[in-house]
């Protein structure tokens, strides 16, 4: 009955999302269209190449999304591990559904606002991969647990002070027993997390003494450079879990979670955390998020490195699903074009967007690869500077598709992204909740 209730709640939430008005002024939609419901966009018969969308416009290739999701499912199945993908990558519950349907164990978020989005759409197993230390944030998670009996929530602890603050919130709410705690380990010079085994054991003991349910150990290896450093860190995570287990501090009779994983080293997570299966009931949970859309920059390089380490992971296992299309609006110099796309439209934190495809209305049947030698040299708020080889035939009115690096910081620039099929027909629209 509880499962039926949650499925009905999720269905109702997505029906409400489909009916949500997309307001005039939303990027990608001509103001002449007026207000329409999100769920109607895929039924309008729009085509990207036919000029039915205003540019710049962010699109998701449906076939690439499905392929990437299936590729990760195949990897996880072969390595007997689970995934709680980073929902903060897309903040798009419609995409969480694809991940859920492909077997995601849960969703990972970073803030209580992210948690609220998950609850709104009835995703009930959530890891908040962050320390909660403020009273307002702590009270918010315990209120969520009190209001939602189905919610299975995991939070991180890495200090005795943090344990005390979390436990105080649990006592205020009367829901201390409902929270699930993961001791976080970290690397010297990195972000949060216990740096030594003694620190981690002290935090685990403090949690047990305070009555906080201790359910596992967590870490994030993505900021480390090189396989040796990553392996050493993951070994430290396993050492920590084994030491805490030896003291009998984990909740008896419940699975112990060992969780790590950005989108660059999940192969190492599978390999090194396998040792932790010696802990009775251990579950290994990766948290990669960017695999779903992949990219044309840092994660493209990461997959090439994955393939080099493990040839069973195909070099083309993942393909970019996220593209930003825009017009060439000026050719002011022989070796320069200006395009209508800027920092408001595409992330630049991990490199400039990469020109991939060009389409000329009236000449091309479909987009074709951009000739080598074209590259972005900079972005303003609304303009892109494209360096062109001397023989470039890029012309005003051409449509250019750009791949991005690190999709997180492009998603957060779009309220609505348009899902397209392989003929560039708009078949759906994705709403983000940043």
Protein backbone atom coordinates (compact mmCIF):
# COMPACT_ATOMS: atom_id res chain seq x y z
CA UNK A 1 0.00 0.00 0.00
CA UNK A 2 2.82 2.41 0.87
CA UNK A 3 4.45 1.77 -2.52
CA UNK A 4 1.15 2.37 -4.33
CA UNK A 5 0.69 5.60 -2.35
CA UNK A 6 4.15 6.88 -3.32
CA UNK A 7 3.70 5.92 -6.97
CA UNK A 8 0.41 7.82 -7.02
CA UNK A 9 2.11 10.82 -5.39
CA UNK A 10 4.89 10.76 -7.98
CA UNK A 11 2.38 10.46 -10.83
CA UNK A 12 0.42 13.42 -9.49
CA UNK A 13 3.58 15.52 -9.13
CA UNK A 14 4.62 14.87 -12.72
CA UNK A 15 1.12 15.55 -14.00
CA UNK A 16 1.27 18.90 -12.21
CA UNK A 17 4.68 19.54 -13.76
CA UNK A 18 3.35 18.80 -17.24
CA UNK A 19 0.56 21.32 -16.63
CA UNK A 20 2.96 23.98 -15.32
CA UNK A 21 2.86 27.16 -17.43
CA UNK A 22 6.01 28.05 -19.33
CA UNK A 23 5.98 31.79 -19.20
CA UNK A 24 6.55 34.24 -22.01
CA UNK A 25 10.23 35.15 -22.01
CA UNK A 26 11.50 31.63 -21.41
CA UNK A 27 14.70 31.12 -23.40
CA UNK A 28 14.22 29.12 -26.56
CA UNK A 29 10.53 29.98 -27.04
CA UNK A 30 9.41 32.85 -29.23
CA UNK A 31 7.47 35.48 -27.26
CA UNK A 32 4.74 35.25 -29.92
CA UNK A 33 3.91 31.76 -28.71
CA UNK A 34 2.60 33.12 -25.43
CA UNK A 35 2.15 30.99 -22.35
CA UNK A 36 1.82 27.24 -22.75
CA UNK A 37 2.05 24.17 -20.57
CA UNK A 38 5.38 22.36 -20.26
CA UNK A 39 3.79 19.09 -21.35
CA UNK A 40 2.46 20.66 -24.55
CA UNK A 41 5.88 21.59 -25.92
CA UNK A 42 6.63 18.13 -27.28
CA UNK A 43 3.28 18.11 -29.09
CA UNK A 44 3.73 21.38 -31.00
CA UNK A 45 5.56 19.78 -33.93
CA UNK A 46 8.55 22.08 -33.55
CA UNK A 47 11.82 21.37 -35.29
CA UNK A 48 15.10 22.92 -34.23
CA UNK A 49 16.41 23.34 -37.77
CA UNK A 50 13.18 24.85 -39.09
CA UNK A 51 13.49 27.98 -36.99
CA UNK A 52 10.73 27.00 -34.55
CA UNK A 53 12.88 27.86 -31.52
CA UNK A 54 14.64 31.10 -30.74
CA UNK A 55 18.38 30.93 -30.18
CA UNK A 56 20.47 30.37 -28.20
CA UNK A 57 18.71 27.20 -27.10
CA UNK A 58 19.86 24.24 -25.00
CA UNK A 59 18.80 20.82 -26.20
CA UNK A 60 19.11 17.25 -24.98
CA UNK A 61 19.45 14.49 -27.56
CA UNK A 62 16.98 11.80 -26.53
CA UNK A 63 18.91 8.92 -28.07
CA UNK A 64 22.12 9.97 -26.31
CA UNK A 65 20.38 10.21 -22.93
CA UNK A 66 19.00 6.71 -23.30
CA UNK A 67 22.29 5.31 -24.52
CA UNK A 68 24.26 6.88 -21.68
CA UNK A 69 21.80 5.68 -19.07
CA UNK A 70 21.93 2.14 -20.46
CA UNK A 71 25.74 2.21 -20.57
CA UNK A 72 25.95 3.08 -16.87
CA UNK A 73 23.36 0.43 -16.01
CA UNK A 74 25.48 -2.14 -17.85
CA UNK A 75 28.61 -1.09 -15.96
CA UNK A 76 26.90 -1.22 -12.56
CA UNK A 77 25.38 -4.63 -13.25
CA UNK A 78 28.75 -6.05 -14.27
CA UNK A 79 30.38 -4.69 -11.08
CA UNK A 80 27.58 -5.54 -8.63
CA UNK A 81 27.27 -1.99 -7.38
CA UNK A 82 24.49 0.57 -7.09
CA UNK A 83 24.24 4.26 -7.97
CA UNK A 84 22.72 7.31 -6.34
CA UNK A 85 23.46 9.85 -9.10
CA UNK A 86 24.20 13.44 -8.23
CA UNK A 87 20.86 15.14 -8.82
CA UNK A 88 22.51 18.54 -8.55
CA UNK A 89 23.99 17.97 -12.00
CA UNK A 90 20.66 18.53 -13.74
CA UNK A 91 18.15 19.42 -10.99
CA UNK A 92 15.61 17.90 -13.37
CA UNK A 93 13.20 15.38 -11.81
CA UNK A 94 12.18 14.20 -15.28
CA UNK A 95 15.76 13.01 -15.75
CA UNK A 96 15.80 11.49 -12.26
CA UNK A 97 12.93 9.32 -13.49
CA UNK A 98 15.06 7.98 -16.34
CA UNK A 99 17.82 7.20 -13.87
CA UNK A 100 15.35 5.63 -11.44
CA UNK A 101 13.82 3.47 -14.16
CA UNK A 102 17.33 2.30 -15.06
CA UNK A 103 17.82 1.06 -11.50
CA UNK A 104 19.21 4.00 -9.50
CA UNK A 105 19.35 3.08 -5.80
CA UNK A 106 18.64 6.70 -4.78
CA UNK A 107 19.43 10.33 -5.58
CA UNK A 108 22.30 12.42 -4.22
CA UNK A 109 21.82 16.12 -3.48
CA UNK A 110 23.76 18.90 -1.76
CA UNK A 111 21.25 21.17 -0.01
CA UNK A 112 17.92 21.08 1.81
CA UNK A 113 16.39 22.86 -1.18
CA UNK A 114 17.53 19.98 -3.40
CA UNK A 115 15.99 17.58 -0.89
CA UNK A 116 12.68 19.47 -1.12
CA UNK A 117 12.65 18.94 -4.89
CA UNK A 118 13.21 15.21 -4.42
CA UNK A 119 10.39 15.03 -1.88
CA UNK A 120 8.07 16.98 -4.17
CA UNK A 121 8.46 14.27 -6.80
CA UNK A 122 8.42 11.36 -4.33
CA UNK A 123 12.06 10.29 -4.63
CA UNK A 124 12.35 8.89 -1.15
CA UNK A 125 15.92 7.59 -0.82
CA UNK A 126 18.28 10.55 -0.75
CA UNK A 127 21.91 11.20 0.23
CA UNK A 128 22.73 14.78 1.18
CA UNK A 129 26.44 14.69 0.30
CA UNK A 130 27.29 17.62 2.53
CA UNK A 131 27.70 18.44 6.20
CA UNK A 132 24.68 20.11 7.79
CA UNK A 133 25.72 22.49 10.57
CA UNK A 134 23.19 25.36 10.57
CA UNK A 135 20.16 25.12 12.83
CA UNK A 136 17.78 26.00 9.98
CA UNK A 137 19.18 23.28 7.70
CA UNK A 138 19.23 20.66 10.46
CA UNK A 139 15.69 21.47 11.53
CA UNK A 140 14.59 21.28 7.88
CA UNK A 141 15.86 17.72 7.42
CA UNK A 142 14.29 16.49 10.64
CA UNK A 143 11.03 18.19 9.69
CA UNK A 144 11.16 16.37 6.35
CA UNK A 145 11.68 13.06 8.13
CA UNK A 146 8.80 13.76 10.52
CA UNK A 147 6.48 14.69 7.66
CA UNK A 148 7.49 11.79 5.38
CA UNK A 149 7.54 8.32 6.95
CA UNK A 150 8.76 6.90 3.62
CA UNK A 151 11.83 9.16 3.45
CA UNK A 152 15.16 7.34 3.81
CA UNK A 153 17.71 10.09 4.28
CA UNK A 154 21.50 9.90 4.61
CA UNK A 155 23.67 12.79 5.80
CA UNK A 156 27.41 13.25 6.34
CA UNK A 157 29.36 13.81 9.56
CA UNK A 158 33.08 14.60 9.83
CA UNK A 159 33.51 16.22 13.26
CA UNK A 160 32.42 15.73 16.84
CA UNK A 161 31.03 19.29 16.75
CA UNK A 162 28.95 18.42 13.71
CA UNK A 163 27.65 15.31 15.44
CA UNK A 164 26.60 17.36 18.45
CA UNK A 165 24.75 19.89 16.30
CA UNK A 166 22.95 17.18 14.33
CA UNK A 167 22.03 15.24 17.47
CA UNK A 168 20.66 18.40 19.10
CA UNK A 169 18.38 18.89 16.09
CA UNK A 170 17.25 15.30 16.32
CA UNK A 171 16.35 15.73 19.97
CA UNK A 172 14.46 18.95 19.22
CA UNK A 173 12.37 17.15 16.62
CA UNK A 174 11.96 13.83 18.36
CA UNK A 175 13.13 12.15 15.14
CA UNK A 176 16.75 11.44 16.08
CA UNK A 177 16.35 7.77 15.18
CA UNK A 178 15.15 8.55 11.63
CA UNK A 179 18.38 10.07 10.28
CA UNK A 180 21.09 7.88 8.72
CA UNK A 181 24.68 9.07 9.19
CA UNK A 182 27.69 8.41 7.00
CA UNK A 183 31.17 9.21 8.32
CA UNK A 184 32.86 11.28 5.64
CA UNK A 185 36.55 10.83 4.91
CA UNK A 186 38.55 13.41 3.02
CA UNK A 187 41.97 14.03 1.53
CA UNK A 188 44.59 16.39 2.93
CA UNK A 189 44.20 19.79 1.27
CA UNK A 190 40.78 18.83 -0.06
CA UNK A 191 37.27 19.65 1.04
CA UNK A 192 35.30 18.21 3.95
CA UNK A 193 35.94 14.82 5.55
CA UNK A 194 38.04 13.24 8.29
CA UNK A 195 41.73 13.24 7.37
CA UNK A 196 42.86 10.40 9.64
CA UNK A 197 41.53 7.09 10.87
CA UNK A 198 41.63 8.33 14.46
CA UNK A 199 39.46 11.34 13.53
CA UNK A 200 36.96 9.12 11.75
CA UNK A 201 36.71 6.70 14.66
CA UNK A 202 36.20 9.58 17.10
CA UNK A 203 33.33 10.90 14.95
CA UNK A 204 31.78 7.42 14.72
CA UNK A 205 32.00 6.94 18.48
CA UNK A 206 30.44 10.34 19.09
CA UNK A 207 27.56 9.50 16.75
CA UNK A 208 26.92 6.19 18.48
CA UNK A 209 27.01 7.81 21.92
CA UNK A 210 24.57 10.50 20.78
CA UNK A 211 22.13 7.90 19.47
CA UNK A 212 22.59 8.84 15.79
CA UNK A 213 22.21 5.78 13.55
CA UNK A 214 25.54 5.16 11.84
CA UNK A 215 25.08 3.52 8.44
CA UNK A 216 28.35 3.76 6.51
CA UNK A 217 31.32 5.70 5.20
CA UNK A 218 31.43 8.24 2.37
CA UNK A 219 34.09 10.07 0.39
CA UNK A 220 34.58 12.01 -2.83
CA UNK A 221 37.64 11.19 -4.88
CA UNK A 222 36.88 13.43 -7.86
CA UNK A 223 39.13 16.31 -6.80
CA UNK A 224 42.22 14.08 -6.61
CA UNK A 225 44.73 13.87 -9.44
CA UNK A 226 45.84 10.50 -10.72
CA UNK A 227 44.89 6.89 -10.21
CA UNK A 228 47.43 6.27 -7.43
CA UNK A 229 46.01 9.07 -5.29
CA UNK A 230 42.45 7.95 -5.95
CA UNK A 231 43.24 4.32 -5.07
CA UNK A 232 44.97 5.35 -1.84
CA UNK A 233 41.98 7.46 -0.86
CA UNK A 234 39.49 4.69 -1.58
CA UNK A 235 41.64 2.27 0.42
CA UNK A 236 41.45 4.77 3.31
CA UNK A 237 37.65 4.76 2.98
CA UNK A 238 37.65 0.96 3.28
CA UNK A 239 40.09 1.04 6.20
CA UNK A 240 37.75 3.43 7.98
CA UNK A 241 34.69 1.28 7.39
CA UNK A 242 36.49 -1.84 8.63
CA UNK A 243 37.72 -0.07 11.77
CA UNK A 244 34.25 1.28 12.60
CA UNK A 245 32.72 -2.12 11.93
CA UNK A 246 35.30 -3.77 14.21
CA UNK A 247 34.08 -1.56 17.06
CA UNK A 248 30.48 -2.56 16.39
CA UNK A 249 29.36 1.04 15.78
CA UNK A 250 27.24 0.52 12.66
CA UNK A 251 23.52 -0.12 13.14
CA UNK A 252 23.17 -3.89 13.60
CA UNK A 253 21.28 -5.80 10.95
CA UNK A 254 21.24 -2.96 8.41
CA UNK A 255 23.34 -2.73 5.23
CA UNK A 256 26.55 -0.73 5.58
CA UNK A 257 26.96 1.82 2.79
CA UNK A 258 30.33 2.47 1.18
CA UNK A 259 29.83 5.35 -1.20
CA UNK A 260 32.07 7.48 -3.38
CA UNK A 261 32.22 8.60 -6.92
CA UNK A 262 32.28 11.53 -9.20
CA UNK A 263 32.06 10.88 -12.93
CA UNK A 264 35.78 10.44 -13.58
CA UNK A 265 36.89 7.49 -11.45
CA UNK A 266 33.87 5.28 -10.91
CA UNK A 267 35.87 2.33 -12.27
CA UNK A 268 38.32 2.75 -9.40
CA UNK A 269 35.41 3.01 -6.96
CA UNK A 270 34.14 -0.35 -8.21
CA UNK A 271 37.58 -1.92 -7.95
CA UNK A 272 38.85 -0.57 -4.62
CA UNK A 273 35.62 -0.57 -2.63
CA UNK A 274 35.00 -4.21 -3.54
CA UNK A 275 37.24 -5.02 -0.59
CA UNK A 276 34.51 -3.60 1.65
CA UNK A 277 32.18 -6.42 0.70
CA UNK A 278 33.81 -8.26 3.59
CA UNK A 279 31.67 -6.13 5.90
CA UNK A 280 28.44 -8.06 6.33
CA UNK A 281 25.66 -6.55 4.26
CA UNK A 282 27.87 -3.89 2.66
CA UNK A 283 26.40 -2.03 -0.31
CA UNK A 284 28.68 -0.11 -2.67
CA UNK A 285 27.04 3.02 -4.03
CA UNK A 286 28.61 5.21 -6.73
CA UNK A 287 27.33 8.76 -7.15
CA UNK A 288 28.29 9.74 -10.69
CA UNK A 289 25.94 12.35 -12.12
CA UNK A 290 27.42 13.70 -15.34
CA UNK A 291 27.37 10.35 -17.10
CA UNK A 292 23.76 10.90 -18.15
CA UNK A 293 24.47 13.84 -20.44
CA UNK A 294 28.24 13.35 -20.71
CA UNK A 295 30.07 16.34 -22.26
CA UNK A 296 32.61 17.49 -24.82
CA UNK A 297 35.34 18.44 -22.33
CA UNK A 298 36.47 17.17 -18.94
CA UNK A 299 34.24 14.09 -18.91
CA UNK A 300 35.05 13.21 -22.49
CA UNK A 301 38.70 13.19 -21.39
CA UNK A 302 37.75 11.19 -18.29
CA UNK A 303 36.07 8.46 -20.34
CA UNK A 304 39.14 8.24 -22.56
CA UNK A 305 41.19 7.68 -19.40
CA UNK A 306 38.63 5.14 -18.16
CA UNK A 307 38.99 3.23 -21.41
CA UNK A 308 42.77 3.29 -21.11
CA UNK A 309 42.56 1.84 -17.59
CA UNK A 310 39.81 -0.65 -18.41
CA UNK A 311 39.31 -1.51 -22.11
CA UNK A 312 36.02 -3.22 -21.23
CA UNK A 313 34.64 0.32 -20.92
CA UNK A 314 34.27 1.32 -24.57
CA UNK A 315 35.88 4.59 -25.61
CA UNK A 316 32.51 5.59 -27.10
CA UNK A 317 30.38 4.20 -24.26
CA UNK A 318 29.02 7.68 -23.57
CA UNK A 319 28.12 10.41 -26.02
CA UNK A 320 27.33 14.12 -25.49
CA UNK A 321 23.60 14.65 -25.03
CA UNK A 322 23.68 18.34 -24.07
CA UNK A 323 24.21 20.90 -26.86
CA UNK A 324 23.69 24.63 -27.11
CA UNK A 325 22.63 25.88 -30.55
CA UNK A 326 22.92 29.46 -31.71
CA UNK A 327 23.24 31.70 -34.77
CA UNK A 328 26.23 33.31 -36.35
CA UNK A 329 25.20 36.96 -36.15
CA UNK A 330 28.27 38.75 -37.52
CA UNK A 331 31.47 38.20 -39.54
CA UNK A 332 33.22 41.46 -38.64
CA UNK A 333 36.71 40.22 -39.55
CA UNK A 334 38.01 37.59 -42.03
CA UNK A 335 39.09 35.24 -39.24
CA UNK A 336 36.40 36.00 -36.72
CA UNK A 337 32.70 35.32 -36.25
CA UNK A 338 30.43 36.54 -33.46
CA UNK A 339 27.64 34.25 -32.31
CA UNK A 340 24.59 34.93 -30.17
CA UNK A 341 25.63 32.89 -27.13
CA UNK A 342 27.38 33.93 -23.95
CA UNK A 343 28.13 33.21 -20.32
CA UNK A 344 24.38 33.41 -19.63
CA UNK A 345 23.91 30.30 -21.78
CA UNK A 346 26.89 27.96 -21.34
CA UNK A 347 29.26 27.16 -18.50
CA UNK A 348 32.93 28.06 -18.78
CA UNK A 349 34.32 26.87 -15.44
CA UNK A 350 35.99 23.82 -17.03
CA UNK A 351 36.75 25.20 -20.47
CA UNK A 352 35.02 27.07 -23.25
CA UNK A 353 32.25 25.42 -25.29
CA UNK A 354 33.39 23.47 -28.35
CA UNK A 355 31.90 24.03 -31.83
CA UNK A 356 30.68 20.64 -33.05
CA UNK A 357 28.04 21.03 -35.77
CA UNK A 358 27.03 23.66 -38.30
CA UNK A 359 23.80 23.93 -40.27
CA UNK A 360 22.96 26.36 -43.07
CA UNK A 361 19.23 26.65 -43.82
CA UNK A 362 18.58 26.11 -47.50
CA UNK A 363 21.90 24.38 -48.08
CA UNK A 364 22.17 21.49 -45.62
CA UNK A 365 19.75 18.63 -45.10
CA UNK A 366 21.20 18.02 -41.64
CA UNK A 367 23.93 19.56 -39.47
CA UNK A 368 27.46 18.63 -40.46
CA UNK A 369 30.68 18.61 -38.42
CA UNK A 370 32.39 21.96 -37.99
CA UNK A 371 35.63 22.06 -39.95
CA UNK A 372 38.80 21.83 -37.81
CA UNK A 373 40.38 25.14 -36.93
CA UNK A 374 37.24 26.82 -35.59
CA UNK A 375 37.42 27.48 -31.86
CA UNK A 376 35.99 29.81 -29.28
CA UNK A 377 38.39 32.35 -27.85
CA UNK A 378 36.04 33.95 -25.34
CA UNK A 379 32.51 34.62 -24.17
CA UNK A 380 30.83 37.83 -23.10
CA UNK A 381 27.48 37.85 -21.36
CA UNK A 382 25.57 37.41 -24.65
CA UNK A 383 28.25 36.96 -27.33
CA UNK A 384 30.71 34.26 -28.37
CA UNK A 385 33.98 34.97 -30.18
CA UNK A 386 34.73 32.27 -32.74
CA UNK A 387 38.18 32.16 -34.33
CA UNK A 388 37.91 30.96 -37.94
CA UNK A 389 40.54 29.66 -40.35
CA UNK A 390 41.19 31.92 -43.36
CA UNK A 391 39.17 29.66 -45.69
CA UNK A 392 36.17 29.35 -43.37
CA UNK A 393 32.78 29.64 -45.06
CA UNK A 394 30.91 30.25 -41.78
CA UNK A 395 28.29 32.86 -42.65
CA UNK A 396 25.77 35.10 -40.95
CA UNK A 397 22.62 33.08 -40.29
CA UNK A 398 24.39 29.73 -39.94
CA UNK A 399 23.40 27.67 -36.91
CA UNK A 400 26.24 26.25 -34.83
CA UNK A 401 25.90 23.60 -32.11
CA UNK A 402 28.32 23.71 -29.18
CA UNK A 403 29.28 20.98 -26.80
CA UNK A 404 30.04 21.98 -23.22
CA UNK A 405 32.51 20.96 -20.55
CA UNK A 406 31.14 20.08 -17.07
CA UNK A 407 27.39 20.04 -17.81
CA UNK A 408 26.40 21.14 -14.27
CA UNK A 409 27.17 24.79 -15.01
CA UNK A 410 25.21 24.84 -18.25
CA UNK A 411 22.09 23.20 -16.83
CA UNK A 412 21.80 25.89 -14.17
CA UNK A 413 21.45 28.56 -16.86
CA UNK A 414 18.24 27.09 -18.30
CA UNK A 415 14.76 26.81 -16.84
CA UNK A 416 13.66 24.70 -19.79
CA UNK A 417 15.74 22.44 -22.03
CA UNK A 418 14.27 20.89 -25.16
CA UNK A 419 14.52 17.16 -25.87
CA UNK A 420 15.09 16.39 -29.54
CA UNK A 421 15.07 13.21 -31.59
CA UNK A 422 17.69 12.34 -34.20
CA UNK A 423 15.91 14.50 -36.78
CA UNK A 424 16.00 17.47 -34.38
CA UNK A 425 12.25 17.37 -33.78
CA UNK A 426 11.30 18.66 -30.34
CA UNK A 427 9.67 15.71 -28.56
CA UNK A 428 9.68 16.89 -24.94
CA UNK A 429 10.80 19.64 -22.60
CA UNK A 430 12.73 19.31 -19.35
CA UNK A 431 12.19 21.71 -16.43
CA UNK A 432 15.04 22.41 -14.03
CA UNK A 433 14.73 23.48 -10.38
CA UNK A 434 17.85 25.47 -9.57
